[in-house]
Amino acid sequence: MASGHLLDTDILSAAMRGEPHALFNRLAGISADAQHLPALVLGELAVGAKLGMREAATLAAARDQTAGMRPSPLQLR
């Protein structure tokens, strides 16, 4: 995997809720190619959306937040 920033479910969920966070300002200046998204995080966001009361809106927010990012495969060493 190329160097960059590995994002987790908590940080993406906070961004989707519009919570202010200093990290978001930093990430805004970094290209989507340098922001890595574990495939597991996509699954967690989808499950969270299904369990929530606003499934369609949550899925749309997740798509917007992760636009341009490619899921990173799990690599065990």
PDB file of N, CA and C in Angstrom:
ATOM      1  N   MET A   1       0.849  -1.158   0.000  1.00  0.00           N
ATOM      2  CA  MET A   1       0.000   0.000   0.000  1.00  0.00           C
ATOM      3  C   MET A   1       0.902   1.231   0.000  1.00  0.00           C
ATOM      4  N   ALA A   2       0.552   2.216  -0.758  1.00  0.00           N
ATOM      5  CA  ALA A   2       1.296   3.466  -0.802  1.00  0.00           C
ATOM      6  C   ALA A   2       1.112   4.220   0.508  1.00  0.00           C
ATOM      7  N   SER A   3       2.036   5.135   0.772  1.00  0.00           N
ATOM      8  CA  SER A   3       1.911   5.898   2.013  1.00  0.00           C
ATOM      9  C   SER A   3       0.727   6.854   1.919  1.00  0.00           C
ATOM     10  N   GLY A   4       0.230   7.235   3.057  1.00  0.00           N
ATOM     11  CA  GLY A   4      -0.913   8.142   3.109  1.00  0.00           C
ATOM     12  C   GLY A   4      -1.584   8.046   4.458  1.00  0.00           C
ATOM     13  N   HIS A   5      -2.870   8.256   4.471  1.00  0.00           N
ATOM     14  CA  HIS A   5      -3.651   8.258   5.708  1.00  0.00           C
ATOM     15  C   HIS A   5      -4.699   7.160   5.645  1.00  0.00           C
ATOM     16  N   LEU A   6      -4.697   6.301   6.654  1.00  0.00           N
ATOM     17  CA  LEU A   6      -5.664   5.214   6.757  1.00  0.00           C
ATOM     18  C   LEU A   6      -6.819   5.708   7.623  1.00  0.00           C
ATOM     19  N   LEU A   7      -7.998   5.808   7.042  1.00  0.00           N
ATOM     20  CA  LEU A   7      -9.162   6.340   7.741  1.00  0.00           C
ATOM     21  C   LEU A   7      -9.940   5.213   8.406  1.00  0.00           C
ATOM     22  N   ASP A   8     -10.526   5.510   9.562  1.00  0.00           N
ATOM     23  CA  ASP A   8     -11.319   4.493  10.249  1.00  0.00           C
ATOM     24  C   ASP A   8     -12.789   4.908  10.324  1.00  0.00           C
ATOM     25  N   THR A   9     -13.610   4.012  10.813  1.00  0.00           N
ATOM     26  CA  THR A   9     -15.051   4.237  10.871  1.00  0.00           C
ATOM     27  C   THR A   9     -15.401   5.444  11.733  1.00  0.00           C
ATOM     28  N   ASP A  10     -14.726   5.593  12.856  1.00  0.00           N
ATOM     29  CA  ASP A  10     -15.046   6.707  13.759  1.00  0.00           C
ATOM     30  C   ASP A  10     -14.828   8.056  13.097  1.00  0.00           C
ATOM     31  N   ILE A  11     -13.718   8.230  12.415  1.00  0.00           N
ATOM     32  CA  ILE A  11     -13.421   9.532  11.814  1.00  0.00           C
ATOM     33  C   ILE A  11     -14.380   9.819  10.656  1.00  0.00           C
ATOM     34  N   LEU A  12     -14.708   8.805   9.862  1.00  0.00           N
ATOM     35  CA  LEU A  12     -15.649   9.013   8.761  1.00  0.00           C
ATOM     36  C   LEU A  12     -17.057   9.276   9.286  1.00  0.00           C
ATOM     37  N   SER A  13     -17.457   8.590  10.340  1.00  0.00           N
ATOM     38  CA  SER A  13     -18.785   8.818  10.918  1.00  0.00           C
ATOM     39  C   SER A  13     -18.894  10.240  11.462  1.00  0.00           C
ATOM     40  N   ALA A  14     -17.845  10.707  12.129  1.00  0.00           N
ATOM     41  CA  ALA A  14     -17.856  12.079  12.661  1.00  0.00           C
ATOM     42  C   ALA A  14     -17.932  13.089  11.519  1.00  0.00           C
ATOM     43  N   ALA A  15     -17.215  12.832  10.445  1.00  0.00           N
ATOM     44  CA  ALA A  15     -17.255  13.739   9.288  1.00  0.00           C
ATOM     45  C   ALA A  15     -18.652  13.749   8.672  1.00  0.00           C
ATOM     46  N   MET A  16     -19.297  12.588   8.591  1.00  0.00           N
ATOM     47  CA  MET A  16     -20.636  12.502   8.023  1.00  0.00           C
ATOM     48  C   MET A  16     -21.662  13.238   8.884  1.00  0.00           C
ATOM     49  N   ARG A  17     -21.422  13.277  10.203  1.00  0.00           N
ATOM     50  CA  ARG A  17     -22.329  13.990  11.108  1.00  0.00           C
ATOM     51  C   ARG A  17     -22.040  15.484  11.114  1.00  0.00           C
ATOM     52  N   GLY A  18     -20.958  15.892  10.455  1.00  0.00           N
ATOM     53  CA  GLY A  18     -20.620  17.306  10.397  1.00  0.00           C
ATOM     54  C   GLY A  18     -19.945  17.835  11.647  1.00  0.00           C
ATOM     55  N   GLU A  19     -19.386  16.936  12.437  1.00  0.00           N
ATOM     56  CA  GLU A  19     -18.714  17.361  13.661  1.00  0.00           C
ATOM     57  C   GLU A  19     -17.413  18.086  13.319  1.00  0.00           C
ATOM     58  N   PRO A  20     -17.141  19.182  14.006  1.00  0.00           N
ATOM     59  CA  PRO A  20     -15.879  19.888  13.753  1.00  0.00           C
ATOM     60  C   PRO A  20     -14.707  19.075  14.300  1.00  0.00           C
ATOM     61  N   HIS A  21     -13.649  19.008  13.551  1.00  0.00           N
ATOM     62  CA  HIS A  21     -12.486  18.238  13.964  1.00  0.00           C
ATOM     63  C   HIS A  21     -11.285  18.767  13.191  1.00  0.00           C
ATOM     64  N   ALA A  22     -10.198  19.019  13.875  1.00  0.00           N
ATOM     65  CA  ALA A  22      -9.002  19.572  13.228  1.00  0.00           C
ATOM     66  C   ALA A  22      -8.481  18.657  12.119  1.00  0.00           C
ATOM     67  N   LEU A  23      -8.656  17.351  12.286  1.00  0.00           N
ATOM     68  CA  LEU A  23      -8.167  16.416  11.277  1.00  0.00           C
ATOM     69  C   LEU A  23      -8.875  16.610   9.940  1.00  0.00           C
ATOM     70  N   PHE A  24     -10.155  16.981   9.959  1.00  0.00           N
ATOM     71  CA  PHE A  24     -10.904  17.163   8.718  1.00  0.00           C
ATOM     72  C   PHE A  24     -10.288  18.267   7.865  1.00  0.00           C
ATOM     73  N   ASN A  25      -9.850  19.342   8.516  1.00  0.00           N
ATOM     74  CA  ASN A  25      -9.202  20.426   7.776  1.00  0.00           C
ATOM     75  C   ASN A  25      -7.927  19.935   7.111  1.00  0.00           C
ATOM     76  N   ARG A  26      -7.190  19.114   7.807  1.00  0.00           N
ATOM     77  CA  ARG A  26      -5.950  18.562   7.246  1.00  0.00           C
ATOM     78  C   ARG A  26      -6.251  17.614   6.081  1.00  0.00           C
ATOM     79  N   LEU A  27      -7.251  16.758   6.248  1.00  0.00           N
ATOM     80  CA  LEU A  27      -7.606  15.809   5.197  1.00  0.00           C
ATOM     81  C   LEU A  27      -8.142  16.516   3.953  1.00  0.00           C
ATOM     82  N   ALA A  28      -8.786  17.652   4.142  1.00  0.00           N
ATOM     83  CA  ALA A  28      -9.341  18.393   3.006  1.00  0.00           C
ATOM     84  C   ALA A  28      -8.243  18.813   2.030  1.00  0.00           C
ATOM     85  N   GLY A  29      -7.025  18.977   2.527  1.00  0.00           N
ATOM     86  CA  GLY A  29      -5.914  19.371   1.670  1.00  0.00           C
ATOM     87  C   GLY A  29      -5.131  18.202   1.097  1.00  0.00           C
ATOM     88  N   ILE A  30      -5.596  16.993   1.349  1.00  0.00           N
ATOM     89  CA  ILE A  30      -4.897  15.782   0.883  1.00  0.00           C
ATOM     90  C   ILE A  30      -5.760  15.103  -0.176  1.00  0.00           C
ATOM     91  N   SER A  31      -5.154  14.727  -1.268  1.00  0.00           N
ATOM     92  CA  SER A  31      -5.914  14.105  -2.357  1.00  0.00           C
ATOM     93  C   SER A  31      -6.545  12.790  -1.901  1.00  0.00           C
ATOM     94  N   ALA A  32      -7.632  12.431  -2.551  1.00  0.00           N
ATOM     95  CA  ALA A  32      -8.325  11.180  -2.220  1.00  0.00           C
ATOM     96  C   ALA A  32      -7.409   9.983  -2.440  1.00  0.00           C
ATOM     97  N   ASP A  33      -6.460  10.081  -3.368  1.00  0.00           N
ATOM     98  CA  ASP A  33      -5.534   8.969  -3.615  1.00  0.00           C
ATOM     99  C   ASP A  33      -4.637   8.684  -2.419  1.00  0.00           C
ATOM    100  N   ALA A  34      -4.428   9.667  -1.565  1.00  0.00           N
ATOM    101  CA  ALA A  34      -3.573   9.499  -0.390  1.00  0.00           C
ATOM    102  C   ALA A  34      -4.384   9.157   0.858  1.00  0.00           C
ATOM    103  N   GLN A  35      -5.702   9.056   0.718  1.00  0.00           N
ATOM    104  CA  GLN A  35      -6.561   8.676   1.827  1.00  0.00           C
ATOM    105  C   GLN A  35      -7.020   7.240   1.586  1.00  0.00           C
ATOM    106  N   HIS A  36      -6.587   6.357   2.466  1.00  0.00           N
ATOM    107  CA  HIS A  36      -6.875   4.930   2.279  1.00  0.00           C
ATOM    108  C   HIS A  36      -8.062   4.510   3.130  1.00  0.00           C
ATOM    109  N   LEU A  37      -8.906   3.724   2.526  1.00  0.00           N
ATOM    110  CA  LEU A  37     -10.160   3.305   3.139  1.00  0.00           C
ATOM    111  C   LEU A  37     -10.181   1.783   3.246  1.00  0.00           C
ATOM    112  N   PRO A  38     -10.031   1.240   4.454  1.00  0.00           N
ATOM    113  CA  PRO A  38     -10.116  -0.214   4.592  1.00  0.00           C
ATOM    114  C   PRO A  38     -11.494  -0.712   4.160  1.00  0.00           C
ATOM    115  N   ALA A  39     -11.525  -1.812   3.440  1.00  0.00           N
ATOM    116  CA  ALA A  39     -12.798  -2.380   2.988  1.00  0.00           C
ATOM    117  C   ALA A  39     -13.715  -2.666   4.173  1.00  0.00           C
ATOM    118  N   LEU A  40     -13.147  -3.028   5.310  1.00  0.00           N
ATOM    119  CA  LEU A  40     -13.932  -3.298   6.506  1.00  0.00           C
ATOM    120  C   LEU A  40     -14.712  -2.060   6.936  1.00  0.00           C
ATOM    121  N   VAL A  41     -14.135  -0.878   6.770  1.00  0.00           N
ATOM    122  CA  VAL A  41     -14.813   0.365   7.141  1.00  0.00           C
ATOM    123  C   VAL A  41     -16.061   0.567   6.280  1.00  0.00           C
ATOM    124  N   LEU A  42     -15.972   0.247   4.995  1.00  0.00           N
ATOM    125  CA  LEU A  42     -17.157   0.346   4.135  1.00  0.00           C
ATOM    126  C   LEU A  42     -18.277  -0.547   4.659  1.00  0.00           C
ATOM    127  N   GLY A  43     -17.920  -1.744   5.090  1.00  0.00           N
ATOM    128  CA  GLY A  43     -18.911  -2.657   5.653  1.00  0.00           C
ATOM    129  C   GLY A  43     -19.514  -2.120   6.930  1.00  0.00           C
ATOM    130  N   GLU A  44     -18.679  -1.546   7.784  1.00  0.00           N
ATOM    131  CA  GLU A  44     -19.190  -0.984   9.034  1.00  0.00           C
ATOM    132  C   GLU A  44     -20.133   0.193   8.777  1.00  0.00           C
ATOM    133  N   LEU A  45     -19.793   1.037   7.819  1.00  0.00           N
ATOM    134  CA  LEU A  45     -20.676   2.156   7.486  1.00  0.00           C
ATOM    135  C   LEU A  45     -22.014   1.658   6.934  1.00  0.00           C
ATOM    136  N   ALA A  46     -21.977   0.612   6.109  1.00  0.00           N
ATOM    137  CA  ALA A  46     -23.204   0.060   5.539  1.00  0.00           C
ATOM    138  C   ALA A  46     -24.083  -0.556   6.626  1.00  0.00           C
ATOM    139  N   VAL A  47     -23.487  -1.293   7.541  1.00  0.00           N
ATOM    140  CA  VAL A  47     -24.257  -1.897   8.631  1.00  0.00           C
ATOM    141  C   VAL A  47     -24.840  -0.806   9.521  1.00  0.00           C
ATOM    142  N   GLY A  48     -24.043   0.205   9.835  1.00  0.00           N
ATOM    143  CA  GLY A  48     -24.544   1.318  10.643  1.00  0.00           C
ATOM    144  C   GLY A  48     -25.722   2.005   9.986  1.00  0.00           C
ATOM    145  N   ALA A  49     -25.668   2.164   8.677  1.00  0.00           N
ATOM    146  CA  ALA A  49     -26.772   2.785   7.946  1.00  0.00           C
ATOM    147  C   ALA A  49     -28.024   1.912   8.020  1.00  0.00           C
ATOM    148  N   LYS A  50     -27.846   0.619   7.864  1.00  0.00           N
ATOM    149  CA  LYS A  50     -28.997  -0.298   7.917  1.00  0.00           C
ATOM    150  C   LYS A  50     -29.665  -0.293   9.290  1.00  0.00           C
ATOM    151  N   LEU A  51     -28.861  -0.139  10.345  1.00  0.00           N
ATOM    152  CA  LEU A  51     -29.405  -0.163  11.699  1.00  0.00           C
ATOM    153  C   LEU A  51     -29.992   1.184  12.120  1.00  0.00           C
ATOM    154  N   GLY A  52     -29.620   2.227  11.421  1.00  0.00           N
ATOM    155  CA  GLY A  52     -30.088   3.567  11.781  1.00  0.00           C
ATOM    156  C   GLY A  52     -31.469   3.860  11.230  1.00  0.00           C
ATOM    157  N   MET A  53     -31.991   4.994  11.648  1.00  0.00           N
ATOM    158  CA  MET A  53     -33.339   5.385  11.236  1.00  0.00           C
ATOM    159  C   MET A  53     -33.346   6.113   9.900  1.00  0.00           C
ATOM    160  N   ARG A  54     -32.178   6.567   9.441  1.00  0.00           N
ATOM    161  CA  ARG A  54     -32.092   7.333   8.196  1.00  0.00           C
ATOM    162  C   ARG A  54     -31.169   6.600   7.210  1.00  0.00           C
ATOM    163  N   GLU A  55     -31.517   5.388   6.866  1.00  0.00           N
ATOM    164  CA  GLU A  55     -30.651   4.542   6.056  1.00  0.00           C
ATOM    165  C   GLU A  55     -30.237   5.203   4.744  1.00  0.00           C
ATOM    166  N   ALA A  56     -31.178   5.701   3.964  1.00  0.00           N
ATOM    167  CA  ALA A  56     -30.860   6.285   2.656  1.00  0.00           C
ATOM    168  C   ALA A  56     -29.954   7.502   2.805  1.00  0.00           C
ATOM    169  N   ALA A  57     -30.256   8.367   3.770  1.00  0.00           N
ATOM    170  CA  ALA A  57     -29.449   9.569   3.973  1.00  0.00           C
ATOM    171  C   ALA A  57     -28.044   9.208   4.442  1.00  0.00           C
ATOM    172  N   THR A  58     -27.946   8.208   5.306  1.00  0.00           N
ATOM    173  CA  THR A  58     -26.638   7.792   5.816  1.00  0.00           C
ATOM    174  C   THR A  58     -25.805   7.174   4.711  1.00  0.00           C
ATOM    175  N   LEU A  59     -26.415   6.344   3.879  1.00  0.00           N
ATOM    176  CA  LEU A  59     -25.680   5.750   2.757  1.00  0.00           C
ATOM    177  C   LEU A  59     -25.219   6.819   1.771  1.00  0.00           C
ATOM    178  N   ALA A  60     -26.064   7.814   1.521  1.00  0.00           N
ATOM    179  CA  ALA A  60     -25.689   8.911   0.627  1.00  0.00           C
ATOM    180  C   ALA A  60     -24.515   9.702   1.211  1.00  0.00           C
ATOM    181  N   ALA A  61     -24.553   9.958   2.515  1.00  0.00           N
ATOM    182  CA  ALA A  61     -23.460  10.676   3.174  1.00  0.00           C
ATOM    183  C   ALA A  61     -22.169   9.867   3.109  1.00  0.00           C
ATOM    184  N   ALA A  62     -22.268   8.547   3.281  1.00  0.00           N
ATOM    185  CA  ALA A  62     -21.082   7.691   3.196  1.00  0.00           C
ATOM    186  C   ALA A  62     -20.501   7.714   1.790  1.00  0.00           C
ATOM    187  N   ARG A  63     -21.364   7.685   0.777  1.00  0.00           N
ATOM    188  CA  ARG A  63     -20.886   7.755  -0.610  1.00  0.00           C
ATOM    189  C   ARG A  63     -20.186   9.080  -0.865  1.00  0.00           C
ATOM    190  N   ASP A  64     -20.774  10.169  -0.379  1.00  0.00           N
ATOM    191  CA  ASP A  64     -20.164  11.490  -0.560  1.00  0.00           C
ATOM    192  C   ASP A  64     -18.819  11.574   0.142  1.00  0.00           C
ATOM    193  N   GLN A  65     -18.763  11.071   1.372  1.00  0.00           N
ATOM    194  CA  GLN A  65     -17.550  11.174   2.181  1.00  0.00           C
ATOM    195  C   GLN A  65     -16.408  10.335   1.607  1.00  0.00           C
ATOM    196  N   THR A  66     -16.739   9.231   0.956  1.00  0.00           N
ATOM    197  CA  THR A  66     -15.702   8.328   0.460  1.00  0.00           C
ATOM    198  C   THR A  66     -15.493   8.443  -1.053  1.00  0.00           C
ATOM    199  N   ALA A  67     -16.131   9.417  -1.683  1.00  0.00           N
ATOM    200  CA  ALA A  67     -15.988   9.592  -3.137  1.00  0.00           C
ATOM    201  C   ALA A  67     -14.521   9.761  -3.506  1.00  0.00           C
ATOM    202  N   GLY A  68     -14.094   9.027  -4.490  1.00  0.00           N
ATOM    203  CA  GLY A  68     -12.720   9.117  -4.972  1.00  0.00           C
ATOM    204  C   GLY A  68     -11.753   8.201  -4.241  1.00  0.00           C
ATOM    205  N   MET A  69     -12.168   7.642  -3.127  1.00  0.00           N
ATOM    206  CA  MET A  69     -11.292   6.731  -2.395  1.00  0.00           C
ATOM    207  C   MET A  69     -11.522   5.318  -2.887  1.00  0.00           C
ATOM    208  N   ARG A  70     -10.445   4.570  -2.951  1.00  0.00           N
ATOM    209  CA  ARG A  70     -10.551   3.160  -3.306  1.00  0.00           C
ATOM    210  C   ARG A  70     -10.322   2.330  -2.051  1.00  0.00           C
ATOM    211  N   PRO A  71     -11.127   1.290  -1.849  1.00  0.00           N
ATOM    212  CA  PRO A  71     -10.899   0.430  -0.674  1.00  0.00           C
ATOM    213  C   PRO A  71      -9.505  -0.184  -0.733  1.00  0.00           C
ATOM    214  N   SER A  72      -8.854  -0.222   0.414  1.00  0.00           N
ATOM    215  CA  SER A  72      -7.535  -0.832   0.515  1.00  0.00           C
ATOM    216  C   SER A  72      -7.712  -2.268   0.976  1.00  0.00           C
ATOM    217  N   PRO A  73      -7.053  -3.203   0.312  1.00  0.00           N
ATOM    218  CA  PRO A  73      -7.174  -4.599   0.726  1.00  0.00           C
ATOM    219  C   PRO A  73      -6.415  -4.827   2.049  1.00  0.00           C
ATOM    220  N   LEU A  74      -6.858  -5.791   2.797  1.00  0.00           N
ATOM    221  CA  LEU A  74      -6.178  -6.175   4.024  1.00  0.00           C
ATOM    222  C   LEU A  74      -4.892  -6.900   3.634  1.00  0.00           C
ATOM    223  N   GLN A  75      -3.800  -6.466   4.197  1.00  0.00           N
ATOM    224  CA  GLN A  75      -2.507  -7.093   3.912  1.00  0.00           C
ATOM    225  C   GLN A  75      -1.905  -7.574   5.216  1.00  0.00           C
ATOM    226  N   LEU A  76      -1.778  -8.877   5.355  1.00  0.00           N
ATOM    227  CA  LEU A  76      -1.170  -9.465   6.535  1.00  0.00           C
ATOM    228  C   LEU A  76       0.290  -9.757   6.244  1.00  0.00           C
ATOM    229  N   ARG A  77       1.113  -9.485   7.207  1.00  0.00           N
ATOM    230  CA  ARG A  77       2.560  -9.752   7.019  1.00  0.00           C
ATOM    231  C   ARG A  77       3.037 -10.723   8.034  1.00  0.00           C
TER     232      ARG A  77
END
